[in-house]
PDB file of N, CA and C in Angstrom:
ATOM      1  N   UNK A   1       0.908  -1.178  -0.089  1.00  0.00           N
ATOM      2  CA  UNK A   1      -0.016   0.047  -0.082  1.00  0.00           C
ATOM      3  C   UNK A   1       0.901   1.325   0.067  1.00  0.00           C
ATOM      4  N   UNK A   2       0.595   2.084  -0.931  1.00  0.00           N
ATOM      5  CA  UNK A   2       1.431   3.351  -1.012  1.00  0.00           C
ATOM      6  C   UNK A   2       0.388   4.467  -0.602  1.00  0.00           C
ATOM      7  N   UNK A   3       0.611   5.238   0.369  1.00  0.00           N
ATOM      8  CA  UNK A   3      -0.337   6.296   0.648  1.00  0.00           C
ATOM      9  C   UNK A   3      -0.507   7.505  -0.270  1.00  0.00           C
ATOM     10  N   UNK A   4       0.545   7.708  -1.127  1.00  0.00           N
ATOM     11  CA  UNK A   4       0.401   8.601  -2.170  1.00  0.00           C
ATOM     12  C   UNK A   4      -0.173   8.377  -3.213  1.00  0.00           C
ATOM     13  N   UNK A   5       0.104   7.158  -3.875  1.00  0.00           N
ATOM     14  CA  UNK A   5      -0.311   6.535  -5.149  1.00  0.00           C
ATOM     15  C   UNK A   5      -1.883   6.250  -4.993  1.00  0.00           C
ATOM     16  N   UNK A   6      -2.416   5.538  -3.695  1.00  0.00           N
ATOM     17  CA  UNK A   6      -3.596   5.399  -3.637  1.00  0.00           C
ATOM     18  C   UNK A   6      -4.611   6.265  -3.303  1.00  0.00           C
ATOM     19  N   UNK A   7      -4.033   7.355  -3.147  1.00  0.00           N
ATOM     20  CA  UNK A   7      -5.165   8.672  -2.688  1.00  0.00           C
ATOM     21  C   UNK A   7      -5.035   9.657  -3.908  1.00  0.00           C
ATOM     22  N   UNK A   8      -6.212  10.060  -4.396  1.00  0.00           N
ATOM     23  CA  UNK A   8      -6.382  10.830  -5.776  1.00  0.00           C
ATOM     24  C   UNK A   8      -6.374  12.354  -4.968  1.00  0.00           C
ATOM     25  N   UNK A   9      -5.219  12.909  -5.665  1.00  0.00           N
ATOM     26  CA  UNK A   9      -4.953  14.558  -5.356  1.00  0.00           C
ATOM     27  C   UNK A   9      -5.237  15.276  -6.520  1.00  0.00           C
ATOM     28  N   UNK A  10      -5.655  16.705  -6.084  1.00  0.00           N
ATOM     29  CA  UNK A  10      -5.601  17.641  -7.420  1.00  0.00           C
ATOM     30  C   UNK A  10      -4.848  18.903  -6.982  1.00  0.00           C
ATOM     31  N   UNK A  11      -4.249  19.220  -7.996  1.00  0.00           N
ATOM     32  CA  UNK A  11      -3.129  20.171  -7.960  1.00  0.00           C
ATOM     33  C   UNK A  11      -3.427  21.312  -8.677  1.00  0.00           C
ATOM     34  N   UNK A  12      -2.871  22.640  -7.936  1.00  0.00           N
ATOM     35  CA  UNK A  12      -2.925  23.763  -8.663  1.00  0.00           C
ATOM     36  C   UNK A  12      -1.413  24.179  -8.535  1.00  0.00           C
ATOM     37  N   UNK A  13      -1.403  24.519  -9.800  1.00  0.00           N
ATOM     38  CA  UNK A  13       0.217  25.072 -10.265  1.00  0.00           C
ATOM     39  C   UNK A  13       0.240  26.262 -10.865  1.00  0.00           C
ATOM     40  N   UNK A  14       1.524  26.877 -10.613  1.00  0.00           N
ATOM     41  CA  UNK A  14       2.183  27.777 -11.525  1.00  0.00           C
ATOM     42  C   UNK A  14       3.229  27.847 -11.923  1.00  0.00           C
ATOM     43  N   UNK A  15       3.258  28.054 -13.507  1.00  0.00           N
ATOM     44  CA  UNK A  15       4.328  27.626 -14.397  1.00  0.00           C
ATOM     45  C   UNK A  15       4.837  29.156 -14.749  1.00  0.00           C
ATOM     46  N   UNK A  16       6.011  29.156 -14.918  1.00  0.00           N
ATOM     47  CA  UNK A  16       6.843  30.468 -15.503  1.00  0.00           C
ATOM     48  C   UNK A  16       7.406  29.973 -16.870  1.00  0.00           C
ATOM     49  N   UNK A  17       7.046  30.627 -17.950  1.00  0.00           N
ATOM     50  CA  UNK A  17       7.902  30.486 -19.121  1.00  0.00           C
ATOM     51  C   UNK A  17       9.437  31.075 -19.048  1.00  0.00           C
ATOM     52  N   UNK A  18      10.329  30.191 -19.590  1.00  0.00           N
ATOM     53  CA  UNK A  18      11.772  30.354 -19.238  1.00  0.00           C
ATOM     54  C   UNK A  18      11.855  31.347 -20.801  1.00  0.00           C
ATOM     55  N   UNK A  19      11.010  31.420 -21.742  1.00  0.00           N
ATOM     56  CA  UNK A  19      10.972  32.219 -22.938  1.00  0.00           C
ATOM     57  C   UNK A  19      10.935  33.902 -22.316  1.00  0.00           C
ATOM     58  N   UNK A  20       9.701  33.777 -22.174  1.00  0.00           N
ATOM     59  CA  UNK A  20       9.318  35.414 -21.781  1.00  0.00           C
ATOM     60  C   UNK A  20       8.927  35.642 -20.313  1.00  0.00           C
ATOM     61  N   UNK A  21       8.948  34.760 -19.505  1.00  0.00           N
ATOM     62  CA  UNK A  21       8.653  34.787 -18.024  1.00  0.00           C
ATOM     63  C   UNK A  21       7.242  35.353 -17.535  1.00  0.00           C
ATOM     64  N   UNK A  22       6.414  34.704 -18.599  1.00  0.00           N
ATOM     65  CA  UNK A  22       4.817  34.733 -18.383  1.00  0.00           C
ATOM     66  C   UNK A  22       4.632  33.654 -17.563  1.00  0.00           C
ATOM     67  N   UNK A  23       3.681  33.932 -16.492  1.00  0.00           N
ATOM     68  CA  UNK A  23       3.047  32.844 -15.506  1.00  0.00           C
ATOM     69  C   UNK A  23       1.854  32.424 -15.935  1.00  0.00           C
ATOM     70  N   UNK A  24       1.607  31.381 -15.809  1.00  0.00           N
ATOM     71  CA  UNK A  24       0.297  30.396 -16.132  1.00  0.00           C
ATOM     72  C   UNK A  24      -0.294  29.672 -14.938  1.00  0.00           C
ATOM     73  N   UNK A  25      -1.316  29.810 -14.580  1.00  0.00           N
ATOM     74  CA  UNK A  25      -1.961  28.991 -13.202  1.00  0.00           C
ATOM     75  C   UNK A  25      -2.771  27.948 -13.844  1.00  0.00           C
ATOM     76  N   UNK A  26      -2.660  26.925 -13.233  1.00  0.00           N
ATOM     77  CA  UNK A  26      -3.606  25.730 -13.648  1.00  0.00           C
ATOM     78  C   UNK A  26      -4.151  24.739 -12.827  1.00  0.00           C
ATOM     79  N   UNK A  27      -4.588  23.841 -13.105  1.00  0.00           N
ATOM     80  CA  UNK A  27      -5.320  22.717 -12.245  1.00  0.00           C
ATOM     81  C   UNK A  27      -5.226  21.416 -13.006  1.00  0.00           C
ATOM     82  N   UNK A  28      -4.842  20.431 -12.349  1.00  0.00           N
ATOM     83  CA  UNK A  28      -4.773  19.162 -13.161  1.00  0.00           C
ATOM     84  C   UNK A  28      -4.961  18.052 -11.582  1.00  0.00           C
ATOM     85  N   UNK A  29      -5.281  16.624 -12.323  1.00  0.00           N
ATOM     86  CA  UNK A  29      -4.967  15.625 -11.212  1.00  0.00           C
ATOM     87  C   UNK A  29      -3.750  14.695 -11.441  1.00  0.00           C
ATOM     88  N   UNK A  30      -2.880  15.135 -12.432  1.00  0.00           N
ATOM     89  CA  UNK A  30      -1.930  14.625 -12.981  1.00  0.00           C
ATOM     90  C   UNK A  30      -0.677  15.350 -13.160  1.00  0.00           C
ATOM     91  N   UNK A  31      -0.179  15.993 -12.106  1.00  0.00           N
ATOM     92  CA  UNK A  31       0.678  17.124 -12.353  1.00  0.00           C
ATOM     93  C   UNK A  31       1.959  16.759 -13.186  1.00  0.00           C
ATOM     94  N   UNK A  32       2.697  15.745 -13.036  1.00  0.00           N
ATOM     95  CA  UNK A  32       3.950  15.542 -14.059  1.00  0.00           C
ATOM     96  C   UNK A  32       3.293  15.140 -15.620  1.00  0.00           C
ATOM     97  N   UNK A  33       2.149  14.429 -15.629  1.00  0.00           N
ATOM     98  CA  UNK A  33       1.704  14.725 -17.259  1.00  0.00           C
ATOM     99  C   UNK A  33       1.266  15.929 -17.544  1.00  0.00           C
ATOM    100  N   UNK A  34       0.693  16.625 -17.100  1.00  0.00           N
ATOM    101  CA  UNK A  34       0.442  18.059 -17.161  1.00  0.00           C
ATOM    102  C   UNK A  34       1.539  19.023 -17.667  1.00  0.00           C
ATOM    103  N   UNK A  35       2.493  18.955 -16.646  1.00  0.00           N
ATOM    104  CA  UNK A  35       3.729  19.618 -16.771  1.00  0.00           C
ATOM    105  C   UNK A  35       4.275  19.375 -18.165  1.00  0.00           C
ATOM    106  N   UNK A  36       4.343  17.751 -18.319  1.00  0.00           N
ATOM    107  CA  UNK A  36       5.062  17.561 -19.809  1.00  0.00           C
ATOM    108  C   UNK A  36       4.085  18.082 -21.061  1.00  0.00           C
ATOM    109  N   UNK A  37       2.917  18.014 -20.718  1.00  0.00           N
ATOM    110  CA  UNK A  37       2.032  18.384 -21.829  1.00  0.00           C
ATOM    111  C   UNK A  37       2.209  19.861 -22.264  1.00  0.00           C
ATOM    112  N   UNK A  38       2.564  20.510 -21.159  1.00  0.00           N
ATOM    113  CA  UNK A  38       2.765  22.234 -21.245  1.00  0.00           C
ATOM    114  C   UNK A  38       4.153  22.156 -22.015  1.00  0.00           C
ATOM    115  N   UNK A  39       5.307  21.523 -21.795  1.00  0.00           N
ATOM    116  CA  UNK A  39       6.449  21.855 -22.368  1.00  0.00           C
ATOM    117  C   UNK A  39       6.575  21.297 -23.811  1.00  0.00           C
ATOM    118  N   UNK A  40       5.532  20.140 -24.030  1.00  0.00           N
ATOM    119  CA  UNK A  40       5.718  19.668 -25.370  1.00  0.00           C
ATOM    120  C   UNK A  40       4.775  20.289 -25.999  1.00  0.00           C
ATOM    121  N   UNK A  41       4.274  21.346 -25.824  1.00  0.00           N
ATOM    122  CA  UNK A  41       3.272  22.231 -26.601  1.00  0.00           C
ATOM    123  C   UNK A  41       1.848  21.704 -26.875  1.00  0.00           C
ATOM    124  N   UNK A  42       1.608  20.849 -26.191  1.00  0.00           N
ATOM    125  CA  UNK A  42       0.139  20.125 -26.220  1.00  0.00           C
ATOM    126  C   UNK A  42      -0.827  20.761 -25.834  1.00  0.00           C
ATOM    127  N   UNK A  43      -0.392  21.511 -24.801  1.00  0.00           N
ATOM    128  CA  UNK A  43      -1.866  22.212 -24.036  1.00  0.00           C
ATOM    129  C   UNK A  43      -2.052  23.540 -24.592  1.00  0.00           C
ATOM    130  N   UNK A  44      -3.160  24.140 -24.765  1.00  0.00           N
ATOM    131  CA  UNK A  44      -3.632  25.137 -25.343  1.00  0.00           C
ATOM    132  C   UNK A  44      -2.860  26.770 -25.207  1.00  0.00           C
ATOM    133  N   UNK A  45      -3.137  27.041 -24.263  1.00  0.00           N
ATOM    134  CA  UNK A  45      -3.015  28.658 -24.023  1.00  0.00           C
ATOM    135  C   UNK A  45      -1.297  28.670 -24.039  1.00  0.00           C
ATOM    136  N   UNK A  46      -0.589  27.696 -23.408  1.00  0.00           N
ATOM    137  CA  UNK A  46       0.806  27.762 -23.317  1.00  0.00           C
ATOM    138  C   UNK A  46       1.594  26.835 -24.352  1.00  0.00           C
ATOM    139  N   UNK A  47       0.768  26.734 -25.558  1.00  0.00           N
ATOM    140  CA  UNK A  47       1.462  26.395 -26.771  1.00  0.00           C
ATOM    141  C   UNK A  47       2.391  27.488 -27.448  1.00  0.00           C
ATOM    142  N   UNK A  48       3.857  27.040 -27.547  1.00  0.00           N
ATOM    143  CA  UNK A  48       4.364  27.948 -28.359  1.00  0.00           C
ATOM    144  C   UNK A  48       5.363  29.149 -27.319  1.00  0.00           C
ATOM    145  N   UNK A  49       4.788  28.554 -25.898  1.00  0.00           N
ATOM    146  CA  UNK A  49       5.571  29.871 -24.847  1.00  0.00           C
ATOM    147  C   UNK A  49       6.399  28.951 -24.281  1.00  0.00           C
ATOM    148  N   UNK A  50       6.816  27.708 -24.198  1.00  0.00           N
ATOM    149  CA  UNK A  50       7.778  26.968 -23.631  1.00  0.00           C
ATOM    150  C   UNK A  50       9.248  27.255 -23.909  1.00  0.00           C
ATOM    151  N   UNK A  51      10.021  26.808 -23.026  1.00  0.00           N
ATOM    152  CA  UNK A  51       9.897  25.677 -22.020  1.00  0.00           C
ATOM    153  C   UNK A  51       9.335  26.495 -20.784  1.00  0.00           C
ATOM    154  N   UNK A  52       9.064  25.496 -19.951  1.00  0.00           N
ATOM    155  CA  UNK A  52       8.438  26.135 -18.377  1.00  0.00           C
ATOM    156  C   UNK A  52       8.846  25.478 -17.380  1.00  0.00           C
ATOM    157  N   UNK A  53       8.931  26.061 -16.176  1.00  0.00           N
ATOM    158  CA  UNK A  53       9.623  25.633 -14.736  1.00  0.00           C
ATOM    159  C   UNK A  53       8.406  25.768 -14.065  1.00  0.00           C
ATOM    160  N   UNK A  54       8.305  24.976 -13.035  1.00  0.00           N
ATOM    161  CA  UNK A  54       7.130  24.970 -11.993  1.00  0.00           C
ATOM    162  C   UNK A  54       7.747  25.750 -10.860  1.00  0.00           C
ATOM    163  N   UNK A  55       6.977  26.600 -10.864  1.00  0.00           N
ATOM    164  CA  UNK A  55       7.390  27.699  -9.688  1.00  0.00           C
ATOM    165  C   UNK A  55       6.693  27.679  -8.449  1.00  0.00           C
ATOM    166  N   UNK A  56       5.530  27.066  -8.540  1.00  0.00           N
ATOM    167  CA  UNK A  56       4.726  27.160  -7.203  1.00  0.00           C
ATOM    168  C   UNK A  56       3.462  25.825  -7.280  1.00  0.00           C
ATOM    169  N   UNK A  57       3.101  25.420  -6.427  1.00  0.00           N
ATOM    170  CA  UNK A  57       2.298  24.373  -6.157  1.00  0.00           C
ATOM    171  C   UNK A  57       1.419  23.984  -5.019  1.00  0.00           C
ATOM    172  N   UNK A  58       0.044  23.675  -5.204  1.00  0.00           N
ATOM    173  CA  UNK A  58      -0.441  23.419  -3.695  1.00  0.00           C
ATOM    174  C   UNK A  58      -1.351  22.043  -4.289  1.00  0.00           C
ATOM    175  N   UNK A  59      -1.790  21.139  -3.458  1.00  0.00           N
ATOM    176  CA  UNK A  59      -2.642  20.138  -3.635  1.00  0.00           C
ATOM    177  C   UNK A  59      -3.957  20.091  -2.629  1.00  0.00           C
ATOM    178  N   UNK A  60      -4.651  19.266  -2.897  1.00  0.00           N
ATOM    179  CA  UNK A  60      -6.255  19.201  -2.179  1.00  0.00           C
ATOM    180  C   UNK A  60      -6.477  17.898  -2.669  1.00  0.00           C
ATOM    181  N   UNK A  61      -7.396  17.141  -1.523  1.00  0.00           N
ATOM    182  CA  UNK A  61      -7.868  15.928  -1.824  1.00  0.00           C
ATOM    183  C   UNK A  61      -9.418  16.065  -2.572  1.00  0.00           C
ATOM    184  N   UNK A  62      -9.820  17.340  -2.391  1.00  0.00           N
ATOM    185  CA  UNK A  62     -11.139  17.815  -2.962  1.00  0.00           C
ATOM    186  C   UNK A  62     -10.827  18.730  -4.073  1.00  0.00           C
ATOM    187  N   UNK A  63     -11.772  18.266  -5.258  1.00  0.00           N
ATOM    188  CA  UNK A  63     -11.853  18.962  -6.515  1.00  0.00           C
ATOM    189  C   UNK A  63     -12.094  20.415  -6.339  1.00  0.00           C
ATOM    190  N   UNK A  64     -13.411  20.337  -5.730  1.00  0.00           N
ATOM    191  CA  UNK A  64     -13.864  21.999  -5.847  1.00  0.00           C
ATOM    192  C   UNK A  64     -13.147  22.830  -4.888  1.00  0.00           C
ATOM    193  N   UNK A  65     -12.304  21.993  -3.833  1.00  0.00           N
ATOM    194  CA  UNK A  65     -11.246  23.082  -3.157  1.00  0.00           C
ATOM    195  C   UNK A  65     -10.419  23.540  -4.186  1.00  0.00           C
ATOM    196  N   UNK A  66      -9.764  22.648  -4.851  1.00  0.00           N
ATOM    197  CA  UNK A  66      -8.442  22.747  -5.633  1.00  0.00           C
ATOM    198  C   UNK A  66      -9.175  23.738  -6.976  1.00  0.00           C
ATOM    199  N   UNK A  67     -10.155  23.757  -7.437  1.00  0.00           N
ATOM    200  CA  UNK A  67     -10.727  24.790  -8.497  1.00  0.00           C
ATOM    201  C   UNK A  67     -10.835  26.001  -8.036  1.00  0.00           C
ATOM    202  N   UNK A  68     -11.423  26.067  -6.808  1.00  0.00           N
ATOM    203  CA  UNK A  68     -11.769  27.219  -5.929  1.00  0.00           C
ATOM    204  C   UNK A  68     -10.184  28.145  -5.851  1.00  0.00           C
ATOM    205  N   UNK A  69      -9.456  27.164  -5.621  1.00  0.00           N
ATOM    206  CA  UNK A  69      -7.999  27.676  -5.320  1.00  0.00           C
ATOM    207  C   UNK A  69      -7.466  28.383  -6.682  1.00  0.00           C
ATOM    208  N   UNK A  70      -7.399  27.595  -7.572  1.00  0.00           N
ATOM    209  CA  UNK A  70      -7.346  27.892  -8.824  1.00  0.00           C
ATOM    210  C   UNK A  70      -7.754  29.307  -9.360  1.00  0.00           C
ATOM    211  N   UNK A  71      -9.163  29.411  -9.195  1.00  0.00           N
ATOM    212  CA  UNK A  71      -9.747  30.584  -9.507  1.00  0.00           C
ATOM    213  C   UNK A  71      -9.070  31.950  -8.941  1.00  0.00           C
ATOM    214  N   UNK A  72      -9.085  31.364  -7.448  1.00  0.00           N
ATOM    215  CA  UNK A  72      -8.476  32.778  -6.574  1.00  0.00           C
ATOM    216  C   UNK A  72      -7.008  32.953  -7.130  1.00  0.00           C
ATOM    217  N   UNK A  73      -6.101  32.225  -7.268  1.00  0.00           N
ATOM    218  CA  UNK A  73      -4.481  32.692  -7.711  1.00  0.00           C
ATOM    219  C   UNK A  73      -4.687  33.131  -9.070  1.00  0.00           C
ATOM    220  N   UNK A  74      -5.838  33.092  -9.939  1.00  0.00           N
ATOM    221  CA  UNK A  74      -5.877  33.639 -10.945  1.00  0.00           C
ATOM    222  C   UNK A  74      -6.387  35.141 -10.927  1.00  0.00           C
ATOM    223  N   UNK A  75      -7.179  35.327  -9.717  1.00  0.00           N
ATOM    224  CA  UNK A  75      -7.851  36.762  -9.534  1.00  0.00           C
ATOM    225  C   UNK A  75      -6.077  37.766  -9.170  1.00  0.00           C
ATOM    226  N   UNK A  76      -6.858  38.912  -9.036  1.00  0.00           N
ATOM    227  CA  UNK A  76      -5.832  40.123  -8.666  1.00  0.00           C
ATOM    228  C   UNK A  76      -5.239  39.675  -7.400  1.00  0.00           C
ATOM    229  N   UNK A  77      -6.263  39.519  -6.508  1.00  0.00           N
ATOM    230  CA  UNK A  77      -5.934  39.302  -4.914  1.00  0.00           C
ATOM    231  C   UNK A  77      -4.862  38.107  -4.910  1.00  0.00           C
ATOM    232  N   UNK A  78      -5.021  37.013  -5.879  1.00  0.00           N
ATOM    233  CA  UNK A  78      -4.253  35.799  -6.015  1.00  0.00           C
ATOM    234  C   UNK A  78      -3.060  36.111  -6.524  1.00  0.00           C
ATOM    235  N   UNK A  79      -2.640  36.804  -7.660  1.00  0.00           N
ATOM    236  CA  UNK A  79      -1.639  37.173  -8.041  1.00  0.00           C
ATOM    237  C   UNK A  79      -0.713  37.835  -7.035  1.00  0.00           C
ATOM    238  N   UNK A  80      -1.607  38.926  -6.379  1.00  0.00           N
ATOM    239  CA  UNK A  80      -0.534  39.839  -5.352  1.00  0.00           C
ATOM    240  C   UNK A  80      -0.221  38.641  -4.198  1.00  0.00           C
ATOM    241  N   UNK A  81      -0.715  37.653  -3.692  1.00  0.00           N
ATOM    242  CA  UNK A  81      -0.711  36.702  -2.609  1.00  0.00           C
ATOM    243  C   UNK A  81       0.499  35.736  -3.363  1.00  0.00           C
ATOM    244  N   UNK A  82       0.665  35.426  -4.557  1.00  0.00           N
ATOM    245  CA  UNK A  82       1.560  34.715  -5.114  1.00  0.00           C
ATOM    246  C   UNK A  82       3.009  35.331  -5.021  1.00  0.00           C
ATOM    247  N   UNK A  83       2.984  36.718  -5.529  1.00  0.00           N
ATOM    248  CA  UNK A  83       4.213  37.400  -5.575  1.00  0.00           C
ATOM    249  C   UNK A  83       4.614  37.683  -4.157  1.00  0.00           C
ATOM    250  N   UNK A  84       3.830  38.008  -3.231  1.00  0.00           N
ATOM    251  CA  UNK A  84       4.178  38.130  -1.973  1.00  0.00           C
ATOM    252  C   UNK A  84       4.713  36.956  -1.354  1.00  0.00           C
ATOM    253  N   UNK A  85       4.192  35.873  -1.624  1.00  0.00           N
ATOM    254  CA  UNK A  85       4.606  34.444  -0.961  1.00  0.00           C
ATOM    255  C   UNK A  85       5.914  34.020  -1.703  1.00  0.00           C
ATOM    256  N   UNK A  86       6.288  34.498  -2.848  1.00  0.00           N
ATOM    257  CA  UNK A  86       7.503  33.985  -3.520  1.00  0.00           C
ATOM    258  C   UNK A  86       8.482  35.228  -3.727  1.00  0.00           C
ATOM    259  N   UNK A  87       8.081  36.010  -2.633  1.00  0.00           N
ATOM    260  CA  UNK A  87       9.123  37.258  -2.785  1.00  0.00           C
ATOM    261  C   UNK A  87      10.556  37.192  -2.908  1.00  0.00           C
ATOM    262  N   UNK A  88      11.021  35.978  -1.981  1.00  0.00           N
ATOM    263  CA  UNK A  88      12.475  35.756  -1.994  1.00  0.00           C
ATOM    264  C   UNK A  88      13.106  34.968  -3.179  1.00  0.00           C
ATOM    265  N   UNK A  89      12.051  34.221  -3.878  1.00  0.00           N
ATOM    266  CA  UNK A  89      12.348  33.493  -5.009  1.00  0.00           C
ATOM    267  C   UNK A  89      12.163  34.442  -5.868  1.00  0.00           C
ATOM    268  N   UNK A  90      11.503  35.349  -6.291  1.00  0.00           N
ATOM    269  CA  UNK A  90      11.306  36.076  -7.248  1.00  0.00           C
ATOM    270  C   UNK A  90      12.692  37.173  -7.320  1.00  0.00           C
ATOM    271  N   UNK A  91      13.022  37.566  -6.239  1.00  0.00           N
ATOM    272  CA  UNK A  91      14.186  38.566  -5.932  1.00  0.00           C
ATOM    273  C   UNK A  91      15.731  37.720  -6.487  1.00  0.00           C
ATOM    274  N   UNK A  92      15.925  36.531  -6.157  1.00  0.00           N
ATOM    275  CA  UNK A  92      16.837  35.641  -6.396  1.00  0.00           C
ATOM    276  C   UNK A  92      16.972  35.460  -8.032  1.00  0.00           C
ATOM    277  N   UNK A  93      15.650  35.361  -8.716  1.00  0.00           N
ATOM    278  CA  UNK A  93      15.580  34.966 -10.120  1.00  0.00           C
ATOM    279  C   UNK A  93      15.380  36.080 -10.920  1.00  0.00           C
ATOM    280  N   UNK A  94      15.240  37.364 -10.590  1.00  0.00           N
ATOM    281  CA  UNK A  94      15.243  38.527 -11.344  1.00  0.00           C
ATOM    282  C   UNK A  94      14.040  38.462 -11.809  1.00  0.00           C
TER     283      UNK A  94
END
């Protein structure tokens, strides 16, 4: 029994384009697969903007909570939260 693989998790994540620095916030139930789709140009909005790096992530066992968190992080207040939360990271990476 593997407690991580036996449980279903939903992920909210933030990617940053290494090409132009644009951020993308998304939601998935398979983070590794979705990250690869973004980098391979399969995902819609991020097509042609890669490669990407994963700069932030959260997970939840409840799909509605994760979707709600994604909507929040895409809002103005959510973007401010992320910039404040990652203040040290952003200052190190320029």
